[in-house]
Amino acid sequence: MNPLKEARREKGLSQFESAKGIGISYSMLVKMENGSKSPSKKTMWKTARFYGKTVDELFFKDFVH
């Protein structure tokens, strides 16, 4: 499963609630979760802070060995 989706479900939040908490649009969060859109660095940091995770855990998990 996508690390973003996992983090959101761990908090028990809907996509709408998470997007609002992060400060991005619902459609942006959906695209980030399904991998069709890469967020800006600023959005990565805001998302990581909101979920209490690192940027690497959420966005680069597949690339870290």
Foldseek 3Di string as FASTA:
>chain_A
DALLVVLCVVVPHDLCVLCVQLVHDSVVSVCVRVVNDDDDPSSLVSSCVSSVHHSCSRPVVVPDD
